Structure formats: C-alpha cells, structure tokens
Amino acid sequence: MPEVIITEIEGSITAYIPDVRATAELSSLSRPEVIMFGLESNNWYWFNRLINQSGIPRIGTLLLDEVLKYCKEKKYSILNQVNAYGDISQKELEDWYIRKGFTPVNHERYGNTLLKWLP
C-alpha cells in the first residue's frame, strides 16, 4: 500500500502520495464562514478537492481515509460541497462520502451536496 504524506501549513492541509498524480486539499474556515453555515463551533476545514489522475483504483479512498484519520487525531471537522466531475456521478460521489461518515448539513436546503464530517 502506498504511503500517504500529509502536510499542514498555515491553515492548509494537503495529502498526497509521492510519484502518484493524486491529491486531497483542505483549507481552514473562518469563524464567520462557520456561522454562515450554522455549524457548531469547532476547528473547521473546507474540503477543496480530491483528485485522482493516476488511474490507479482506490487511490482516492486511500487519500480520504488518511485525511479523515489525520483530522480525527487533530479534532478537525470538515465541510464538503460535493461536486462530481470525471467518471463518477453526483449521486455516487455523495453516497461515497456518506459511507465515509459525512452527513448532510441541511438536507432540506442542500440535499446531499453539502456534507459535514465530525471527528
């Protein structure tokens, strides 16, 4: 199994695998942004992207699992606006994040497109 490297610098988290074209990136949310979404106080990160351009199956899952493990250790929460592109449908991507422990922020308003994850 490839090793995932996670770096955190000035409110930004990046996960990658050396020599593999795949990354996950998160940015810290400001207090006003947290309030705007009606989220409980916590250390919140916005899930910017998860991209697997390697063509290697399950690399995205590996990256996400390691990001969640890291955030659990640091007690960081994640807000994710799910936006499918590439070979996966919107519903498949939403379902995938939900299986990983993400839950809707306000299902009546956003459906499953705005998800949160709590450590």
N, C-alpha and C. Protein backbone atom coordinates (compact mmCIF):
# COMPACT_ATOMS: atom_id res chain seq x y z
N MET A 1 0.84 -1.18 0.00
CA MET A 1 0.00 0.00 0.00
C MET A 1 0.89 1.24 0.00
N PRO A 2 0.61 2.20 -0.89
CA PRO A 2 1.44 3.41 -0.95
C PRO A 2 1.30 4.25 0.32
N GLU A 3 2.36 4.98 0.63
CA GLU A 3 2.37 5.85 1.80
C GLU A 3 1.77 7.21 1.44
N VAL A 4 0.84 7.67 2.25
CA VAL A 4 0.23 8.99 2.08
C VAL A 4 0.98 9.98 2.97
N ILE A 5 1.42 11.07 2.37
CA ILE A 5 2.09 12.15 3.10
C ILE A 5 1.07 13.25 3.34
N ILE A 6 0.95 13.70 4.58
CA ILE A 6 0.04 14.80 4.91
C ILE A 6 0.86 15.94 5.48
N THR A 7 0.65 17.13 4.91
CA THR A 7 1.31 18.33 5.41
C THR A 7 0.26 19.34 5.82
N GLU A 8 0.55 20.08 6.87
CA GLU A 8 -0.34 21.15 7.31
C GLU A 8 0.50 22.40 7.49
N ILE A 9 0.17 23.43 6.71
CA ILE A 9 0.90 24.68 6.76
C ILE A 9 -0.09 25.84 6.73
N GLU A 10 -0.07 26.67 7.77
CA GLU A 10 -0.85 27.90 7.81
C GLU A 10 -2.30 27.72 7.36
N GLY A 11 -3.02 26.83 7.99
CA GLY A 11 -4.43 26.65 7.70
C GLY A 11 -4.74 25.88 6.44
N SER A 12 -3.78 25.16 5.93
CA SER A 12 -3.97 24.37 4.72
C SER A 12 -3.44 22.96 4.95
N ILE A 13 -4.24 21.97 4.55
CA ILE A 13 -3.84 20.57 4.67
C ILE A 13 -3.77 19.98 3.27
N THR A 14 -2.68 19.28 2.98
CA THR A 14 -2.51 18.60 1.70
C THR A 14 -2.12 17.15 1.96
N ALA A 15 -2.77 16.24 1.25
CA ALA A 15 -2.42 14.82 1.32
C ALA A 15 -2.04 14.37 -0.09
N TYR A 16 -0.95 13.63 -0.19
CA TYR A 16 -0.50 13.15 -1.50
C TYR A 16 0.33 11.89 -1.32
N ILE A 17 0.55 11.22 -2.42
CA ILE A 17 1.39 10.04 -2.46
C ILE A 17 2.55 10.35 -3.40
N PRO A 18 3.78 10.26 -2.94
CA PRO A 18 4.90 10.58 -3.81
C PRO A 18 4.85 9.79 -5.13
N ASP A 19 5.09 10.50 -6.21
CA ASP A 19 5.14 9.93 -7.56
C ASP A 19 3.80 9.40 -8.06
N VAL A 20 2.69 9.81 -7.44
CA VAL A 20 1.35 9.42 -7.89
C VAL A 20 0.55 10.71 -8.10
N ARG A 21 -0.11 10.82 -9.23
CA ARG A 21 -0.88 12.02 -9.55
C ARG A 21 -2.25 11.97 -8.87
N ALA A 22 -2.24 12.27 -7.57
CA ALA A 22 -3.47 12.30 -6.79
C ALA A 22 -3.22 13.15 -5.55
N THR A 23 -4.17 14.03 -5.23
CA THR A 23 -4.03 14.88 -4.05
C THR A 23 -5.39 15.15 -3.41
N ALA A 24 -5.35 15.48 -2.15
CA ALA A 24 -6.50 15.98 -1.41
C ALA A 24 -6.05 17.27 -0.74
N GLU A 25 -6.90 18.29 -0.79
CA GLU A 25 -6.54 19.58 -0.21
C GLU A 25 -7.70 20.15 0.60
N LEU A 26 -7.38 20.71 1.76
CA LEU A 26 -8.37 21.33 2.64
C LEU A 26 -7.83 22.68 3.10
N SER A 27 -8.74 23.63 3.36
CA SER A 27 -8.38 24.95 3.87
C SER A 27 -9.23 25.26 5.09
N SER A 28 -8.64 25.95 6.07
CA SER A 28 -9.39 26.28 7.28
C SER A 28 -10.51 27.27 6.97
N LEU A 29 -11.62 27.11 7.67
CA LEU A 29 -12.76 28.02 7.55
C LEU A 29 -12.66 29.08 8.63
N SER A 30 -13.03 30.31 8.28
CA SER A 30 -13.04 31.39 9.26
C SER A 30 -14.28 31.28 10.14
N ARG A 31 -14.27 31.93 11.26
CA ARG A 31 -15.42 31.92 12.17
C ARG A 31 -16.70 32.40 11.48
N PRO A 32 -16.66 33.52 10.71
CA PRO A 32 -17.89 33.94 10.01
C PRO A 32 -18.42 32.89 9.03
N GLU A 33 -17.53 32.16 8.37
CA GLU A 33 -17.97 31.10 7.46
C GLU A 33 -18.65 29.97 8.22
N VAL A 34 -18.11 29.62 9.35
CA VAL A 34 -18.69 28.57 10.19
C VAL A 34 -20.10 29.00 10.63
N ILE A 35 -20.24 30.24 11.05
CA ILE A 35 -21.54 30.77 11.48
C ILE A 35 -22.52 30.80 10.31
N MET A 36 -22.06 31.21 9.13
CA MET A 36 -22.91 31.31 7.95
C MET A 36 -23.58 29.98 7.63
N PHE A 37 -22.87 28.88 7.81
CA PHE A 37 -23.42 27.56 7.53
C PHE A 37 -24.15 26.96 8.73
N GLY A 38 -24.20 27.69 9.85
CA GLY A 38 -24.91 27.21 11.03
C GLY A 38 -24.24 26.03 11.69
N LEU A 39 -22.92 25.98 11.62
CA LEU A 39 -22.17 24.85 12.17
C LEU A 39 -21.80 25.12 13.63
N GLU A 40 -21.67 24.06 14.39
CA GLU A 40 -21.23 24.17 15.77
C GLU A 40 -19.77 24.61 15.79
N SER A 41 -19.41 25.32 16.87
CA SER A 41 -18.03 25.79 16.98
C SER A 41 -17.08 24.61 16.99
N ASN A 42 -16.03 24.74 16.26
CA ASN A 42 -15.03 23.68 16.16
C ASN A 42 -13.92 24.20 15.24
N ASN A 43 -12.91 23.42 15.02
CA ASN A 43 -11.88 23.72 14.03
C ASN A 43 -12.33 23.14 12.70
N TRP A 44 -12.87 23.97 11.81
CA TRP A 44 -13.46 23.51 10.56
C TRP A 44 -12.51 23.71 9.39
N TYR A 45 -12.51 22.72 8.51
CA TYR A 45 -11.76 22.80 7.25
C TYR A 45 -12.72 22.57 6.08
N TRP A 46 -12.49 23.31 5.03
CA TRP A 46 -13.25 23.18 3.78
C TRP A 46 -12.51 22.20 2.89
N PHE A 47 -13.21 21.18 2.42
CA PHE A 47 -12.61 20.17 1.55
C PHE A 47 -12.57 20.75 0.14
N ASN A 48 -11.41 21.25 -0.26
CA ASN A 48 -11.27 21.91 -1.56
C ASN A 48 -11.38 20.95 -2.72
N ARG A 49 -10.66 19.84 -2.62
CA ARG A 49 -10.64 18.91 -3.74
C ARG A 49 -10.03 17.58 -3.33
N LEU A 50 -10.44 16.58 -4.07
CA LEU A 50 -9.82 15.26 -4.01
C LEU A 50 -9.74 14.80 -5.46
N ILE A 51 -8.54 14.75 -5.97
CA ILE A 51 -8.34 14.43 -7.39
C ILE A 51 -7.42 13.22 -7.52
N ASN A 52 -7.89 12.23 -8.29
CA ASN A 52 -7.06 11.08 -8.61
C ASN A 52 -6.90 11.04 -10.13
N GLN A 53 -5.77 11.52 -10.59
CA GLN A 53 -5.46 11.50 -12.02
C GLN A 53 -4.51 10.36 -12.37
N SER A 54 -4.27 9.49 -11.40
CA SER A 54 -3.29 8.43 -11.59
C SER A 54 -3.83 7.26 -12.40
N GLY A 55 -5.15 7.07 -12.36
CA GLY A 55 -5.73 5.89 -13.00
C GLY A 55 -5.64 4.64 -12.12
N ILE A 56 -5.07 4.79 -10.94
CA ILE A 56 -4.93 3.66 -10.02
C ILE A 56 -6.20 3.56 -9.17
N PRO A 57 -6.89 2.42 -9.21
CA PRO A 57 -8.12 2.27 -8.41
C PRO A 57 -7.86 2.43 -6.92
N ARG A 58 -8.84 3.00 -6.23
CA ARG A 58 -8.88 3.14 -4.77
C ARG A 58 -7.88 4.13 -4.18
N ILE A 59 -7.17 4.86 -5.02
CA ILE A 59 -6.23 5.87 -4.51
C ILE A 59 -7.01 6.99 -3.82
N GLY A 60 -8.14 7.40 -4.40
CA GLY A 60 -8.97 8.42 -3.76
C GLY A 60 -9.45 7.99 -2.39
N THR A 61 -9.85 6.74 -2.28
CA THR A 61 -10.30 6.20 -1.00
C THR A 61 -9.15 6.20 0.01
N LEU A 62 -7.98 5.80 -0.43
CA LEU A 62 -6.80 5.81 0.45
C LEU A 62 -6.51 7.22 0.95
N LEU A 63 -6.53 8.20 0.04
CA LEU A 63 -6.28 9.59 0.44
C LEU A 63 -7.33 10.07 1.44
N LEU A 64 -8.61 9.82 1.14
CA LEU A 64 -9.66 10.27 2.04
C LEU A 64 -9.54 9.61 3.41
N ASP A 65 -9.30 8.31 3.43
CA ASP A 65 -9.17 7.61 4.71
C ASP A 65 -8.05 8.21 5.56
N GLU A 66 -6.93 8.54 4.92
CA GLU A 66 -5.80 9.11 5.67
C GLU A 66 -6.11 10.54 6.13
N VAL A 67 -6.81 11.32 5.31
CA VAL A 67 -7.22 12.67 5.71
C VAL A 67 -8.15 12.59 6.92
N LEU A 68 -9.11 11.68 6.88
CA LEU A 68 -10.04 11.54 8.00
C LEU A 68 -9.32 11.08 9.27
N LYS A 69 -8.38 10.20 9.13
CA LYS A 69 -7.60 9.74 10.28
C LYS A 69 -6.82 10.92 10.88
N TYR A 70 -6.19 11.71 10.01
CA TYR A 70 -5.42 12.88 10.46
C TYR A 70 -6.34 13.88 11.17
N CYS A 71 -7.47 14.18 10.55
CA CYS A 71 -8.40 15.15 11.13
C CYS A 71 -9.00 14.66 12.44
N LYS A 72 -9.21 13.36 12.54
CA LYS A 72 -9.71 12.80 13.81
C LYS A 72 -8.68 13.02 14.92
N GLU A 73 -7.42 12.77 14.62
CA GLU A 73 -6.35 12.96 15.61
C GLU A 73 -6.25 14.41 16.04
N LYS A 74 -6.43 15.34 15.09
CA LYS A 74 -6.30 16.78 15.36
C LYS A 74 -7.61 17.40 15.85
N LYS A 75 -8.70 16.62 15.83
CA LYS A 75 -10.03 17.10 16.19
C LYS A 75 -10.51 18.21 15.26
N TYR A 76 -10.25 18.02 13.95
CA TYR A 76 -10.72 18.95 12.93
C TYR A 76 -12.01 18.41 12.32
N SER A 77 -12.95 19.29 12.08
CA SER A 77 -14.17 18.94 11.36
C SER A 77 -14.02 19.38 9.91
N ILE A 78 -14.81 18.76 9.02
CA ILE A 78 -14.68 19.03 7.58
C ILE A 78 -16.05 19.38 7.00
N LEU A 79 -16.07 20.44 6.18
CA LEU A 79 -17.24 20.81 5.40
C LEU A 79 -16.90 20.56 3.94
N ASN A 80 -17.82 19.89 3.22
CA ASN A 80 -17.53 19.46 1.87
C ASN A 80 -18.72 19.74 0.96
N GLN A 81 -18.51 20.57 -0.06
CA GLN A 81 -19.52 20.76 -1.10
C GLN A 81 -19.20 19.76 -2.20
N VAL A 82 -20.01 18.71 -2.27
CA VAL A 82 -19.75 17.60 -3.18
C VAL A 82 -20.06 18.04 -4.61
N ASN A 83 -19.07 17.87 -5.47
CA ASN A 83 -19.19 18.29 -6.86
C ASN A 83 -18.50 17.26 -7.74
N ALA A 84 -19.30 16.42 -8.36
CA ALA A 84 -18.75 15.33 -9.17
C ALA A 84 -18.26 15.85 -10.53
N TYR A 85 -17.16 15.32 -10.95
CA TYR A 85 -16.65 15.54 -12.30
C TYR A 85 -15.83 14.32 -12.65
N GLY A 86 -15.62 14.08 -13.89
CA GLY A 86 -14.91 12.88 -14.29
C GLY A 86 -15.87 11.73 -14.50
N ASP A 87 -15.46 10.55 -14.09
CA ASP A 87 -16.20 9.33 -14.39
C ASP A 87 -17.22 8.91 -13.33
N ILE A 88 -17.42 9.71 -12.30
CA ILE A 88 -18.34 9.34 -11.23
C ILE A 88 -19.54 10.28 -11.25
N SER A 89 -20.72 9.74 -10.97
CA SER A 89 -21.92 10.58 -10.95
C SER A 89 -22.01 11.33 -9.62
N GLN A 90 -22.80 12.38 -9.61
CA GLN A 90 -23.01 13.17 -8.39
C GLN A 90 -23.55 12.27 -7.27
N LYS A 91 -24.55 11.47 -7.56
CA LYS A 91 -25.15 10.58 -6.54
C LYS A 91 -24.13 9.58 -6.02
N GLU A 92 -23.34 8.99 -6.91
CA GLU A 92 -22.32 8.02 -6.47
C GLU A 92 -21.31 8.69 -5.55
N LEU A 93 -20.91 9.92 -5.87
CA LEU A 93 -19.94 10.62 -5.04
C LEU A 93 -20.54 11.00 -3.69
N GLU A 94 -21.76 11.49 -3.69
CA GLU A 94 -22.43 11.81 -2.43
C GLU A 94 -22.53 10.56 -1.56
N ASP A 95 -22.96 9.46 -2.14
CA ASP A 95 -23.09 8.21 -1.39
C ASP A 95 -21.75 7.74 -0.84
N TRP A 96 -20.68 7.92 -1.61
CA TRP A 96 -19.34 7.53 -1.18
C TRP A 96 -18.92 8.31 0.06
N TYR A 97 -19.11 9.64 0.03
CA TYR A 97 -18.75 10.45 1.20
C TYR A 97 -19.62 10.07 2.40
N ILE A 98 -20.89 9.81 2.19
CA ILE A 98 -21.78 9.43 3.29
C ILE A 98 -21.32 8.10 3.90
N ARG A 99 -20.91 7.16 3.08
CA ARG A 99 -20.38 5.88 3.61
C ARG A 99 -19.12 6.12 4.44
N LYS A 100 -18.40 7.20 4.17
CA LYS A 100 -17.18 7.53 4.91
C LYS A 100 -17.46 8.33 6.18
N GLY A 101 -18.75 8.56 6.49
CA GLY A 101 -19.10 9.22 7.74
C GLY A 101 -19.56 10.66 7.60
N PHE A 102 -19.65 11.19 6.39
CA PHE A 102 -20.15 12.54 6.19
C PHE A 102 -21.67 12.54 6.30
N THR A 103 -22.24 13.63 6.81
CA THR A 103 -23.69 13.76 6.94
C THR A 103 -24.13 15.10 6.36
N PRO A 104 -25.38 15.19 5.90
CA PRO A 104 -25.86 16.45 5.34
C PRO A 104 -25.87 17.59 6.36
N VAL A 105 -25.54 18.79 5.90
CA VAL A 105 -25.58 19.98 6.75
C VAL A 105 -27.03 20.42 6.95
N ASN A 106 -27.76 20.59 5.88
CA ASN A 106 -29.16 20.97 5.92
C ASN A 106 -29.80 20.31 4.71
N HIS A 107 -30.28 19.09 4.89
CA HIS A 107 -30.75 18.28 3.77
C HIS A 107 -31.88 18.96 3.00
N GLU A 108 -32.78 19.62 3.70
CA GLU A 108 -33.89 20.29 3.01
C GLU A 108 -33.40 21.37 2.07
N ARG A 109 -32.35 22.05 2.43
CA ARG A 109 -31.82 23.15 1.60
C ARG A 109 -30.81 22.68 0.57
N TYR A 110 -29.88 21.80 0.98
CA TYR A 110 -28.76 21.42 0.13
C TYR A 110 -28.80 19.98 -0.37
N GLY A 111 -29.75 19.19 0.12
CA GLY A 111 -29.73 17.77 -0.22
C GLY A 111 -28.47 17.14 0.34
N ASN A 112 -27.82 16.31 -0.46
CA ASN A 112 -26.55 15.69 -0.03
C ASN A 112 -25.35 16.37 -0.68
N THR A 113 -25.53 17.60 -1.19
CA THR A 113 -24.40 18.27 -1.83
C THR A 113 -23.52 19.00 -0.84
N LEU A 114 -24.03 19.34 0.34
CA LEU A 114 -23.21 19.98 1.36
C LEU A 114 -23.17 19.04 2.56
N LEU A 115 -21.99 18.47 2.79
CA LEU A 115 -21.83 17.45 3.81
C LEU A 115 -20.81 17.90 4.85
N LYS A 116 -20.98 17.39 6.06
CA LYS A 116 -20.00 17.66 7.11
C LYS A 116 -19.51 16.35 7.70
N TRP A 117 -18.32 16.42 8.23
CA TRP A 117 -17.73 15.26 8.92
C TRP A 117 -17.18 15.77 10.25
N LEU A 118 -17.51 15.05 11.31
CA LEU A 118 -17.05 15.42 12.64
C LEU A 118 -16.16 14.32 13.20
N PRO A 119 -15.08 14.71 13.89
CA PRO A 119 -14.18 13.69 14.44
C PRO A 119 -14.83 12.89 15.57
